[in-house]
PDB file of all heavy atoms in Angstrom:
ATOM      1  N   ILE A   1    -120.467 -43.040 -40.057  1.00  0.00           N
ATOM      2  CA  ILE A   1    -119.399 -43.063 -39.114  1.00  0.00           C
ATOM      3  C   ILE A   1    -118.210 -42.272 -39.486  1.00  0.00           C
ATOM      4  O   ILE A   1    -117.645 -41.512 -38.690  1.00  0.00           O
ATOM      5  CB  ILE A   1    -118.894 -44.560 -38.986  1.00  0.00           C
ATOM      6  CG1 ILE A   1    -120.039 -45.474 -38.354  1.00  0.00           C
ATOM      7  CG2 ILE A   1    -117.573 -44.658 -38.199  1.00  0.00           C
ATOM      8  CD1 ILE A   1    -119.711 -46.906 -38.486  1.00  0.00           C
ATOM      9  N   LEU A   2    -117.866 -42.231 -40.762  1.00  0.00           N
ATOM     10  CA  LEU A   2    -116.696 -41.432 -41.235  1.00  0.00           C
ATOM     11  C   LEU A   2    -117.030 -39.935 -41.088  1.00  0.00           C
ATOM     12  O   LEU A   2    -116.125 -39.044 -40.745  1.00  0.00           O
ATOM     13  CB  LEU A   2    -116.398 -41.761 -42.664  1.00  0.00           C
ATOM     14  CG  LEU A   2    -115.753 -43.168 -42.860  1.00  0.00           C
ATOM     15  CD1 LEU A   2    -115.613 -43.501 -44.352  1.00  0.00           C
ATOM     16  CD2 LEU A   2    -114.394 -43.290 -42.161  1.00  0.00           C
ATOM     17  N   ALA A   3    -118.273 -39.525 -41.314  1.00  0.00           N
ATOM     18  CA  ALA A   3    -118.660 -38.157 -41.234  1.00  0.00           C
ATOM     19  C   ALA A   3    -118.605 -37.726 -39.793  1.00  0.00           C
ATOM     20  O   ALA A   3    -118.165 -36.560 -39.456  1.00  0.00           O
ATOM     21  CB  ALA A   3    -120.102 -37.963 -41.826  1.00  0.00           C
ATOM     22  N   SER A   4    -118.964 -38.566 -38.836  1.00  0.00           N
ATOM     23  CA  SER A   4    -118.945 -38.253 -37.434  1.00  0.00           C
ATOM     24  C   SER A   4    -117.510 -38.046 -36.961  1.00  0.00           C
ATOM     25  O   SER A   4    -117.261 -37.098 -36.176  1.00  0.00           O
ATOM     26  CB  SER A   4    -119.582 -39.322 -36.599  1.00  0.00           C
ATOM     27  OG  SER A   4    -120.967 -39.424 -36.912  1.00  0.00           O
ATOM     28  N   VAL A   5    -116.624 -38.887 -37.444  1.00  0.00           N
ATOM     29  CA  VAL A   5    -115.203 -38.772 -37.065  1.00  0.00           C
ATOM     30  C   VAL A   5    -114.586 -37.454 -37.651  1.00  0.00           C
ATOM     31  O   VAL A   5    -113.897 -36.764 -36.956  1.00  0.00           O
ATOM     32  CB  VAL A   5    -114.437 -39.956 -37.594  1.00  0.00           C
ATOM     33  CG1 VAL A   5    -112.877 -39.721 -37.405  1.00  0.00           C
ATOM     34  CG2 VAL A   5    -114.848 -41.252 -36.842  1.00  0.00           C
ATOM     35  N   GLU A   6    -114.953 -37.192 -38.865  1.00  0.00           N
ATOM     36  CA  GLU A   6    -114.460 -35.928 -39.518  1.00  0.00           C
ATOM     37  C   GLU A   6    -115.000 -34.710 -38.772  1.00  0.00           C
ATOM     38  O   GLU A   6    -114.233 -33.741 -38.492  1.00  0.00           O
ATOM     39  CB  GLU A   6    -114.937 -35.921 -41.005  1.00  0.00           C
ATOM     40  CG  GLU A   6    -114.365 -34.699 -41.705  1.00  0.00           C
ATOM     41  CD  GLU A   6    -114.827 -34.701 -43.192  1.00  0.00           C
ATOM     42  OE1 GLU A   6    -115.440 -35.594 -43.602  1.00  0.00           O
ATOM     43  OE2 GLU A   6    -114.565 -33.663 -43.873  1.00  0.00           O
ATOM     44  N   ALA A   7    -116.279 -34.791 -38.315  1.00  0.00           N
ATOM     45  CA  ALA A   7    -116.858 -33.621 -37.587  1.00  0.00           C
ATOM     46  C   ALA A   7    -116.135 -33.395 -36.282  1.00  0.00           C
ATOM     47  O   ALA A   7    -115.851 -32.318 -35.814  1.00  0.00           O
ATOM     48  CB  ALA A   7    -118.343 -33.853 -37.355  1.00  0.00           C
ATOM     49  N   ALA A   8    -115.855 -34.582 -35.644  1.00  0.00           N
ATOM     50  CA  ALA A   8    -115.143 -34.459 -34.268  1.00  0.00           C
ATOM     51  C   ALA A   8    -113.757 -33.875 -34.423  1.00  0.00           C
ATOM     52  O   ALA A   8    -113.321 -33.075 -33.649  1.00  0.00           O
ATOM     53  CB  ALA A   8    -115.088 -35.863 -33.610  1.00  0.00           C
ATOM     54  N   GLU A   9    -113.070 -34.315 -35.529  1.00  0.00           N
ATOM     55  CA  GLU A   9    -111.687 -33.801 -35.792  1.00  0.00           C
ATOM     56  C   GLU A   9    -111.745 -32.320 -36.099  1.00  0.00           C
ATOM     57  O   GLU A   9    -110.899 -31.475 -35.608  1.00  0.00           O
ATOM     58  CB  GLU A   9    -111.118 -34.541 -36.941  1.00  0.00           C
ATOM     59  CG  GLU A   9    -110.678 -35.971 -36.617  1.00  0.00           C
ATOM     60  CD  GLU A   9    -110.206 -36.724 -37.828  1.00  0.00           C
ATOM     61  OE1 GLU A   9    -110.466 -36.307 -38.938  1.00  0.00           O
ATOM     62  OE2 GLU A   9    -109.565 -37.793 -37.638  1.00  0.00           O
ATOM     63  N   GLU A  10    -112.847 -31.882 -36.865  1.00  0.00           N
ATOM     64  CA  GLU A  10    -112.938 -30.402 -37.166  1.00  0.00           C
ATOM     65  C   GLU A  10    -113.177 -29.553 -35.883  1.00  0.00           C
ATOM     66  O   GLU A  10    -112.621 -28.554 -35.709  1.00  0.00           O
ATOM     67  CB  GLU A  10    -114.048 -30.248 -38.160  1.00  0.00           C
ATOM     68  CG  GLU A  10    -113.656 -30.699 -39.544  1.00  0.00           C
ATOM     69  CD  GLU A  10    -114.835 -30.615 -40.540  1.00  0.00           C
ATOM     70  OE1 GLU A  10    -115.952 -30.167 -40.083  1.00  0.00           O
ATOM     71  OE2 GLU A  10    -114.689 -30.795 -41.716  1.00  0.00           O
ATOM     72  N   GLN A  11    -113.988 -30.202 -35.001  1.00  0.00           N
ATOM     73  CA  GLN A  11    -114.321 -29.577 -33.723  1.00  0.00           C
ATOM     74  C   GLN A  11    -112.984 -29.349 -32.914  1.00  0.00           C
ATOM     75  O   GLN A  11    -112.783 -28.294 -32.267  1.00  0.00           O
ATOM     76  CB  GLN A  11    -115.343 -30.347 -32.907  1.00  0.00           C
ATOM     77  CG  GLN A  11    -115.834 -29.543 -31.707  1.00  0.00           C
ATOM     78  CD  GLN A  11    -116.943 -30.380 -30.992  1.00  0.00           C
ATOM     79  OE1 GLN A  11    -117.093 -31.565 -31.155  1.00  0.00           O
ATOM     80  NE2 GLN A  11    -117.718 -29.636 -30.200  1.00  0.00           N
ATOM     81  N   MET A  12    -112.214 -30.406 -32.812  1.00  0.00           N
ATOM     82  CA  MET A  12    -110.973 -30.334 -32.065  1.00  0.00           C
ATOM     83  C   MET A  12    -110.016 -29.269 -32.691  1.00  0.00           C
ATOM     84  O   MET A  12    -109.234 -28.576 -32.041  1.00  0.00           O
ATOM     85  CB  MET A  12    -110.231 -31.600 -32.052  1.00  0.00           C
ATOM     86  CG  MET A  12    -110.992 -32.622 -31.159  1.00  0.00           C
ATOM     87  SD  MET A  12    -111.241 -32.152 -29.429  1.00  0.00           S
ATOM     88  CE  MET A  12    -112.985 -31.503 -29.437  1.00  0.00           C
ATOM     89  N   ALA A  13    -110.043 -29.182 -34.070  1.00  0.00           N
ATOM     90  CA  ALA A  13    -109.256 -28.166 -34.684  1.00  0.00           C
ATOM     91  C   ALA A  13    -109.619 -26.794 -34.429  1.00  0.00           C
ATOM     92  O   ALA A  13    -108.780 -25.914 -34.118  1.00  0.00           O
ATOM     93  CB  ALA A  13    -109.280 -28.383 -36.266  1.00  0.00           C
ATOM     94  N   VAL A  14    -110.948 -26.613 -34.274  1.00  0.00           N
ATOM     95  CA  VAL A  14    -111.425 -25.323 -33.873  1.00  0.00           C
ATOM     96  C   VAL A  14    -111.056 -24.879 -32.428  1.00  0.00           C
ATOM     97  O   VAL A  14    -110.638 -23.843 -32.135  1.00  0.00           O
ATOM     98  CB  VAL A  14    -113.024 -25.228 -33.958  1.00  0.00           C
ATOM     99  CG1 VAL A  14    -113.561 -24.004 -33.323  1.00  0.00           C
ATOM    100  CG2 VAL A  14    -113.435 -25.254 -35.448  1.00  0.00           C
ATOM    101  N   CYS A  15    -111.080 -25.936 -31.553  1.00  0.00           N
ATOM    102  CA  CYS A  15    -110.639 -25.706 -30.216  1.00  0.00           C
ATOM    103  C   CYS A  15    -109.186 -25.205 -30.145  1.00  0.00           C
ATOM    104  O   CYS A  15    -108.759 -24.553 -29.162  1.00  0.00           O
ATOM    105  CB  CYS A  15    -110.875 -26.911 -29.339  1.00  0.00           C
ATOM    106  SG  CYS A  15    -112.588 -27.222 -29.051  1.00  0.00           S
ATOM    107  N   ARG A  16    -108.321 -25.685 -31.031  1.00  0.00           N
ATOM    108  CA  ARG A  16    -106.965 -25.416 -30.940  1.00  0.00           C
ATOM    109  C   ARG A  16    -106.664 -24.025 -31.560  1.00  0.00           C
ATOM    110  O   ARG A  16    -105.503 -23.457 -31.335  1.00  0.00           O
ATOM    111  CB  ARG A  16    -106.154 -26.442 -31.779  1.00  0.00           C
ATOM    112  CG  ARG A  16    -106.035 -27.801 -31.053  1.00  0.00           C
ATOM    113  CD  ARG A  16    -105.025 -28.632 -31.759  1.00  0.00           C
ATOM    114  NE  ARG A  16    -105.311 -28.894 -33.203  1.00  0.00           N
ATOM    115  CZ  ARG A  16    -106.007 -29.912 -33.644  1.00  0.00           C
ATOM    116  NH1 ARG A  16    -106.544 -30.853 -32.762  1.00  0.00           N
ATOM    117  NH2 ARG A  16    -106.172 -30.105 -34.877  1.00  0.00           N
ATOM    118  N   GLN A  17    -107.658 -23.425 -32.179  1.00  0.00           N
ATOM    119  CA  GLN A  17    -107.429 -22.071 -32.762  1.00  0.00           C
ATOM    120  C   GLN A  17    -107.408 -21.080 -31.649  1.00  0.00           C
ATOM    121  O   GLN A  17    -107.881 -21.284 -30.536  1.00  0.00           O
ATOM    122  CB  GLN A  17    -108.582 -21.818 -33.744  1.00  0.00           C
ATOM    123  CG  GLN A  17    -108.581 -22.618 -34.943  1.00  0.00           C
ATOM    124  CD  GLN A  17    -109.819 -22.320 -35.825  1.00  0.00           C
ATOM    125  OE1 GLN A  17    -110.617 -21.519 -35.520  1.00  0.00           O
ATOM    126  NE2 GLN A  17    -109.971 -23.110 -36.876  1.00  0.00           N
ATOM    127  N   LYS A  18    -106.852 -19.946 -31.919  1.00  0.00           N
ATOM    128  CA  LYS A  18    -106.720 -18.874 -30.996  1.00  0.00           C
ATOM    129  C   LYS A  18    -108.029 -18.046 -30.982  1.00  0.00           C
ATOM    130  O   LYS A  18    -108.393 -17.472 -32.000  1.00  0.00           O
ATOM    131  CB  LYS A  18    -105.534 -18.028 -31.349  1.00  0.00           C
ATOM    132  CG  LYS A  18    -105.099 -17.104 -30.199  1.00  0.00           C
ATOM    133  CD  LYS A  18    -103.763 -16.377 -30.573  1.00  0.00           C
ATOM    134  CE  LYS A  18    -103.217 -15.584 -29.423  1.00  0.00           C
ATOM    135  NZ  LYS A  18    -101.952 -14.961 -29.806  1.00  0.00           N
ATOM    136  N   PRO A  19    -108.760 -18.039 -29.876  1.00  0.00           N
ATOM    137  CA  PRO A  19    -110.046 -17.286 -29.880  1.00  0.00           C
ATOM    138  C   PRO A  19    -109.749 -15.778 -30.018  1.00  0.00           C
ATOM    139  O   PRO A  19    -108.834 -15.187 -29.502  1.00  0.00           O
ATOM    140  CB  PRO A  19    -110.614 -17.624 -28.464  1.00  0.00           C
ATOM    141  CG  PRO A  19    -109.480 -17.967 -27.668  1.00  0.00           C
ATOM    142  CD  PRO A  19    -108.471 -18.657 -28.604  1.00  0.00           C
ATOM    143  N   ALA A  20    -110.598 -15.146 -30.832  1.00  0.00           N
ATOM    144  CA  ALA A  20    -110.393 -13.740 -31.202  1.00  0.00           C
ATOM    145  C   ALA A  20    -111.765 -13.135 -31.542  1.00  0.00           C
ATOM    146  O   ALA A  20    -112.721 -13.823 -31.817  1.00  0.00           O
ATOM    147  CB  ALA A  20    -109.383 -13.622 -32.251  1.00  0.00           C
ATOM    148  N   GLY A  21    -111.697 -11.810 -31.611  1.00  0.00           N
ATOM    149  CA  GLY A  21    -112.879 -11.095 -32.000  1.00  0.00           C
ATOM    150  C   GLY A  21    -113.728 -10.422 -30.862  1.00  0.00           C
ATOM    151  O   GLY A  21    -113.269 -10.600 -29.745  1.00  0.00           O
ATOM    152  N   ARG A  22    -114.679  -9.732 -31.247  1.00  0.00           N
ATOM    153  CA  ARG A  22    -115.525  -9.054 -30.177  1.00  0.00           C
ATOM    154  C   ARG A  22    -116.506 -10.055 -29.524  1.00  0.00           C
ATOM    155  O   ARG A  22    -117.205 -10.789 -30.157  1.00  0.00           O
ATOM    156  CB  ARG A  22    -116.313  -7.961 -30.835  1.00  0.00           C
ATOM    157  CG  ARG A  22    -117.073  -7.078 -29.845  1.00  0.00           C
ATOM    158  CD  ARG A  22    -117.751  -5.875 -30.559  1.00  0.00           C
ATOM    159  NE  ARG A  22    -116.651  -4.930 -31.075  1.00  0.00           N
ATOM    160  CZ  ARG A  22    -116.909  -3.859 -31.773  1.00  0.00           C
ATOM    161  NH1 ARG A  22    -118.203  -3.493 -31.989  1.00  0.00           N
ATOM    162  NH2 ARG A  22    -115.901  -3.169 -32.218  1.00  0.00           N
ATOM    163  N   LEU A  23    -116.574  -9.895 -28.159  1.00  0.00           N
ATOM    164  CA  LEU A  23    -117.476 -10.702 -27.427  1.00  0.00           C
ATOM    165  C   LEU A  23    -118.329  -9.690 -26.557  1.00  0.00           C
ATOM    166  O   LEU A  23    -117.886  -8.968 -25.698  1.00  0.00           O
ATOM    167  CB  LEU A  23    -116.819 -11.641 -26.465  1.00  0.00           C
ATOM    168  CG  LEU A  23    -117.692 -12.485 -25.594  1.00  0.00           C
ATOM    169  CD1 LEU A  23    -118.527 -13.400 -26.475  1.00  0.00           C
ATOM    170  CD2 LEU A  23    -116.916 -13.336 -24.613  1.00  0.00           C
ATOM    171  N   ARG A  24    -119.686  -9.622 -26.845  1.00  0.00           N
ATOM    172  CA  ARG A  24    -120.533  -8.724 -26.213  1.00  0.00           C
ATOM    173  C   ARG A  24    -121.174  -9.401 -25.009  1.00  0.00           C
ATOM    174  O   ARG A  24    -121.940 -10.355 -25.228  1.00  0.00           O
ATOM    175  CB  ARG A  24    -121.548  -8.076 -27.171  1.00  0.00           C
ATOM    176  CG  ARG A  24    -120.999  -7.321 -28.388  1.00  0.00           C
ATOM    177  CD  ARG A  24    -122.071  -6.941 -29.400  1.00  0.00           C
ATOM    178  NE  ARG A  24    -121.475  -6.193 -30.512  1.00  0.00           N
ATOM    179  CZ  ARG A  24    -121.083  -6.782 -31.674  1.00  0.00           C
ATOM    180  NH1 ARG A  24    -121.165  -8.113 -31.752  1.00  0.00           N
ATOM    181  NH2 ARG A  24    -120.579  -6.028 -32.598  1.00  0.00           N
ATOM    182  N   VAL A  25    -120.957  -8.905 -23.850  1.00  0.00           N
ATOM    183  CA  VAL A  25    -121.511  -9.405 -22.638  1.00  0.00           C
ATOM    184  C   VAL A  25    -122.420  -8.412 -21.922  1.00  0.00           C
ATOM    185  O   VAL A  25    -122.068  -7.280 -21.819  1.00  0.00           O
ATOM    186  CB  VAL A  25    -120.352  -9.802 -21.705  1.00  0.00           C
ATOM    187  CG1 VAL A  25    -120.931 -10.477 -20.366  1.00  0.00           C
ATOM    188  CG2 VAL A  25    -119.402 -10.800 -22.346  1.00  0.00           C
ATOM    189  N   ASN A  26    -123.619  -8.933 -21.527  1.00  0.00           N
ATOM    190  CA  ASN A  26    -124.526  -8.095 -20.806  1.00  0.00           C
ATOM    191  C   ASN A  26    -124.824  -8.746 -19.443  1.00  0.00           C
ATOM    192  O   ASN A  26    -125.074  -9.866 -19.316  1.00  0.00           O
ATOM    193  CB  ASN A  26    -125.846  -8.001 -21.672  1.00  0.00           C
ATOM    194  CG  ASN A  26    -126.808  -7.059 -20.986  1.00  0.00           C
ATOM    195  OD1 ASN A  26    -127.469  -7.361 -20.013  1.00  0.00           O
ATOM    196  ND2 ASN A  26    -126.947  -5.818 -21.554  1.00  0.00           N
ATOM    197  N   ALA A  27    -124.921  -7.847 -18.453  1.00  0.00           N
ATOM    198  CA  ALA A  27    -125.280  -8.314 -17.123  1.00  0.00           C
ATOM    199  C   ALA A  27    -125.839  -7.160 -16.285  1.00  0.00           C
ATOM    200  O   ALA A  27    -125.547  -6.029 -16.653  1.00  0.00           O
ATOM    201  CB  ALA A  27    -124.089  -8.910 -16.368  1.00  0.00           C
ATOM    202  N   ALA A  28    -126.569  -7.452 -15.236  1.00  0.00           N
ATOM    203  CA  ALA A  28    -127.026  -6.363 -14.372  1.00  0.00           C
ATOM    204  C   ALA A  28    -125.844  -5.766 -13.738  1.00  0.00           C
ATOM    205  O   ALA A  28    -124.757  -6.341 -13.500  1.00  0.00           O
ATOM    206  CB  ALA A  28    -127.974  -6.936 -13.357  1.00  0.00           C
ATOM    207  N   SER A  29    -125.981  -4.398 -13.421  1.00  0.00           N
ATOM    208  CA  SER A  29    -124.770  -3.656 -12.968  1.00  0.00           C
ATOM    209  C   SER A  29    -124.147  -4.271 -11.751  1.00  0.00           C
ATOM    210  O   SER A  29    -122.942  -4.253 -11.633  1.00  0.00           O
ATOM    211  CB  SER A  29    -125.189  -2.188 -12.784  1.00  0.00           C
ATOM    212  OG  SER A  29    -126.285  -2.095 -11.819  1.00  0.00           O
ATOM    213  N   PRO A  30    -124.832  -4.793 -10.753  1.00  0.00           N
ATOM    214  CA  PRO A  30    -124.150  -5.417  -9.597  1.00  0.00           C
ATOM    215  C   PRO A  30    -123.281  -6.483 -10.008  1.00  0.00           C
ATOM    216  O   PRO A  30    -122.109  -6.622  -9.510  1.00  0.00           O
ATOM    217  CB  PRO A  30    -125.319  -5.903  -8.678  1.00  0.00           C
ATOM    218  CG  PRO A  30    -126.517  -5.059  -9.051  1.00  0.00           C
ATOM    219  CD  PRO A  30    -126.364  -4.837 -10.514  1.00  0.00           C
ATOM    220  N   PHE A  31    -123.721  -7.428 -10.828  1.00  0.00           N
ATOM    221  CA  PHE A  31    -122.930  -8.600 -11.214  1.00  0.00           C
ATOM    222  C   PHE A  31    -121.745  -8.118 -12.122  1.00  0.00           C
ATOM    223  O   PHE A  31    -120.557  -8.657 -11.943  1.00  0.00           O
ATOM    224  CB  PHE A  31    -123.769  -9.609 -11.990  1.00  0.00           C
ATOM    225  CG  PHE A  31    -123.142 -10.953 -12.094  1.00  0.00           C
ATOM    226  CD1 PHE A  31    -123.293 -11.887 -11.113  1.00  0.00           C
ATOM    227  CD2 PHE A  31    -122.326 -11.275 -13.190  1.00  0.00           C
ATOM    228  CE1 PHE A  31    -122.662 -13.155 -11.285  1.00  0.00           C
ATOM    229  CE2 PHE A  31    -121.706 -12.449 -13.323  1.00  0.00           C
ATOM    230  CZ  PHE A  31    -121.885 -13.424 -12.383  1.00  0.00           C
ATOM    231  N   MET A  32    -122.017  -7.148 -12.954  1.00  0.00           N
ATOM    232  CA  MET A  32    -120.939  -6.583 -13.694  1.00  0.00           C
ATOM    233  C   MET A  32    -119.879  -5.990 -12.961  1.00  0.00           C
ATOM    234  O   MET A  32    -118.678  -6.296 -13.129  1.00  0.00           O
ATOM    235  CB  MET A  32    -121.493  -5.570 -14.791  1.00  0.00           C
ATOM    236  CG  MET A  32    -120.513  -5.046 -15.729  1.00  0.00           C
ATOM    237  SD  MET A  32    -119.992  -6.259 -16.926  1.00  0.00           S
ATOM    238  CE  MET A  32    -121.400  -6.359 -18.035  1.00  0.00           C
ATOM    239  N   LEU A  33    -120.234  -5.201 -11.910  1.00  0.00           N
ATOM    240  CA  LEU A  33    -119.283  -4.433 -11.156  1.00  0.00           C
ATOM    241  C   LEU A  33    -118.511  -5.369 -10.143  1.00  0.00           C
ATOM    242  O   LEU A  33    -117.335  -5.146  -9.933  1.00  0.00           O
ATOM    243  CB  LEU A  33    -119.952  -3.303 -10.401  1.00  0.00           C
ATOM    244  CG  LEU A  33    -120.524  -2.165 -11.221  1.00  0.00           C
ATOM    245  CD1 LEU A  33    -121.353  -1.210 -10.391  1.00  0.00           C
ATOM    246  CD2 LEU A  33    -119.327  -1.397 -11.944  1.00  0.00           C
ATOM    247  N   HIS A  34    -119.219  -6.256  -9.506  1.00  0.00           N
ATOM    248  CA  HIS A  34    -118.649  -6.957  -8.417  1.00  0.00           C
ATOM    249  C   HIS A  34    -118.018  -8.413  -8.811  1.00  0.00           C
ATOM    250  O   HIS A  34    -117.252  -8.908  -8.099  1.00  0.00           O
ATOM    251  CB  HIS A  34    -119.692  -7.228  -7.276  1.00  0.00           C
ATOM    252  CG  HIS A  34    -120.143  -5.993  -6.697  1.00  0.00           C
ATOM    253  ND1 HIS A  34    -119.369  -5.288  -5.720  1.00  0.00           N
ATOM    254  CD2 HIS A  34    -121.221  -5.210  -6.924  1.00  0.00           C
ATOM    255  CE1 HIS A  34    -120.021  -4.244  -5.348  1.00  0.00           C
ATOM    256  NE2 HIS A  34    -121.203  -4.150  -6.039  1.00  0.00           N
ATOM    257  N   VAL A  35    -118.500  -8.822  -9.989  1.00  0.00           N
ATOM    258  CA  VAL A  35    -117.990 -10.175 -10.453  1.00  0.00           C
ATOM    259  C   VAL A  35    -117.105 -10.065 -11.673  1.00  0.00           C
ATOM    260  O   VAL A  35    -115.956 -10.469 -11.728  1.00  0.00           O
ATOM    261  CB  VAL A  35    -119.085 -11.197 -10.628  1.00  0.00           C
ATOM    262  CG1 VAL A  35    -118.538 -12.530 -11.046  1.00  0.00           C
ATOM    263  CG2 VAL A  35    -119.844 -11.356  -9.326  1.00  0.00           C
ATOM    264  N   ILE A  36    -117.654  -9.534 -12.801  1.00  0.00           N
ATOM    265  CA  ILE A  36    -116.971  -9.516 -14.090  1.00  0.00           C
ATOM    266  C   ILE A  36    -115.832  -8.512 -14.162  1.00  0.00           C
ATOM    267  O   ILE A  36    -114.737  -8.924 -14.502  1.00  0.00           O
ATOM    268  CB  ILE A  36    -118.058  -9.256 -15.253  1.00  0.00           C
ATOM    269  CG1 ILE A  36    -119.067 -10.418 -15.306  1.00  0.00           C
ATOM    270  CG2 ILE A  36    -117.254  -9.135 -16.491  1.00  0.00           C
ATOM    271  CD1 ILE A  36    -120.147 -10.260 -16.298  1.00  0.00           C
ATOM    272  N   VAL A  37    -116.075  -7.258 -13.729  1.00  0.00           N
ATOM    273  CA  VAL A  37    -115.026  -6.279 -13.784  1.00  0.00           C
ATOM    274  C   VAL A  37    -113.785  -6.697 -13.104  1.00  0.00           C
ATOM    275  O   VAL A  37    -112.614  -6.534 -13.631  1.00  0.00           O
ATOM    276  CB  VAL A  37    -115.532  -4.899 -13.292  1.00  0.00           C
ATOM    277  CG1 VAL A  37    -114.445  -3.943 -13.209  1.00  0.00           C
ATOM    278  CG2 VAL A  37    -116.566  -4.366 -14.324  1.00  0.00           C
ATOM    279  N   PRO A  38    -113.761  -7.198 -11.917  1.00  0.00           N
ATOM    280  CA  PRO A  38    -112.542  -7.598 -11.245  1.00  0.00           C
ATOM    281  C   PRO A  38    -111.805  -8.754 -11.955  1.00  0.00           C
ATOM    282  O   PRO A  38    -110.592  -8.971 -11.744  1.00  0.00           O
ATOM    283  CB  PRO A  38    -112.965  -8.051  -9.855  1.00  0.00           C
ATOM    284  CG  PRO A  38    -114.310  -7.396  -9.596  1.00  0.00           C
ATOM    285  CD  PRO A  38    -114.991  -7.351 -10.956  1.00  0.00           C
ATOM    286  N   LEU A  39    -112.488  -9.461 -12.882  1.00  0.00           N
ATOM    287  CA  LEU A  39    -111.766 -10.542 -13.540  1.00  0.00           C
ATOM    288  C   LEU A  39    -111.311 -10.249 -14.972  1.00  0.00           C
ATOM    289  O   LEU A  39    -110.618 -10.983 -15.588  1.00  0.00           O
ATOM    290  CB  LEU A  39    -112.774 -11.705 -13.694  1.00  0.00           C
ATOM    291  CG  LEU A  39    -113.414 -12.318 -12.453  1.00  0.00           C
ATOM    292  CD1 LEU A  39    -114.446 -13.408 -12.697  1.00  0.00           C
ATOM    293  CD2 LEU A  39    -112.218 -12.962 -11.609  1.00  0.00           C
ATOM    294  N   VAL A  40    -111.692  -9.027 -15.450  1.00  0.00           N
ATOM    295  CA  VAL A  40    -111.344  -8.626 -16.812  1.00  0.00           C
ATOM    296  C   VAL A  40    -109.888  -8.647 -17.031  1.00  0.00           C
ATOM    297  O   VAL A  40    -109.368  -9.207 -18.123  1.00  0.00           O
ATOM    298  CB  VAL A  40    -111.945  -7.208 -17.059  1.00  0.00           C
ATOM    299  CG1 VAL A  40    -111.392  -6.692 -18.375  1.00  0.00           C
ATOM    300  CG2 VAL A  40    -113.450  -7.412 -17.212  1.00  0.00           C
ATOM    301  N   ASP A  41    -109.053  -8.082 -16.107  1.00  0.00           N
ATOM    302  CA  ASP A  41    -107.553  -7.987 -16.420  1.00  0.00           C
ATOM    303  C   ASP A  41    -107.016  -9.295 -16.635  1.00  0.00           C
ATOM    304  O   ASP A  41    -106.205  -9.622 -17.515  1.00  0.00           O
ATOM    305  CB  ASP A  41    -106.992  -7.298 -15.288  1.00  0.00           C
ATOM    306  CG  ASP A  41    -105.468  -6.955 -15.489  1.00  0.00           C
ATOM    307  OD1 ASP A  41    -105.168  -6.366 -16.584  1.00  0.00           O
ATOM    308  OD2 ASP A  41    -104.692  -7.351 -14.675  1.00  0.00           O
ATOM    309  N   ASP A  42    -107.324 -10.333 -15.754  1.00  0.00           N
ATOM    310  CA  ASP A  42    -106.767 -11.702 -15.838  1.00  0.00           C
ATOM    311  C   ASP A  42    -107.292 -12.328 -17.150  1.00  0.00           C
ATOM    312  O   ASP A  42    -106.569 -13.030 -17.828  1.00  0.00           O
ATOM    313  CB  ASP A  42    -107.117 -12.506 -14.638  1.00  0.00           C
ATOM    314  CG  ASP A  42    -106.518 -13.884 -14.677  1.00  0.00           C
ATOM    315  OD1 ASP A  42    -105.276 -13.994 -14.732  1.00  0.00           O
ATOM    316  OD2 ASP A  42    -107.288 -14.812 -14.688  1.00  0.00           O
TER     317      ASP A  42
END
């Protein structure tokens, strides 16, 4: 029980961290051009 609570607290601590680093995304060109690219700036 204590280990589960500790794990849950650690998970919440990770969620509060600032996401950073490289994220490699792959998609077929239509989806990339018409869906992902228009959202990149925001």
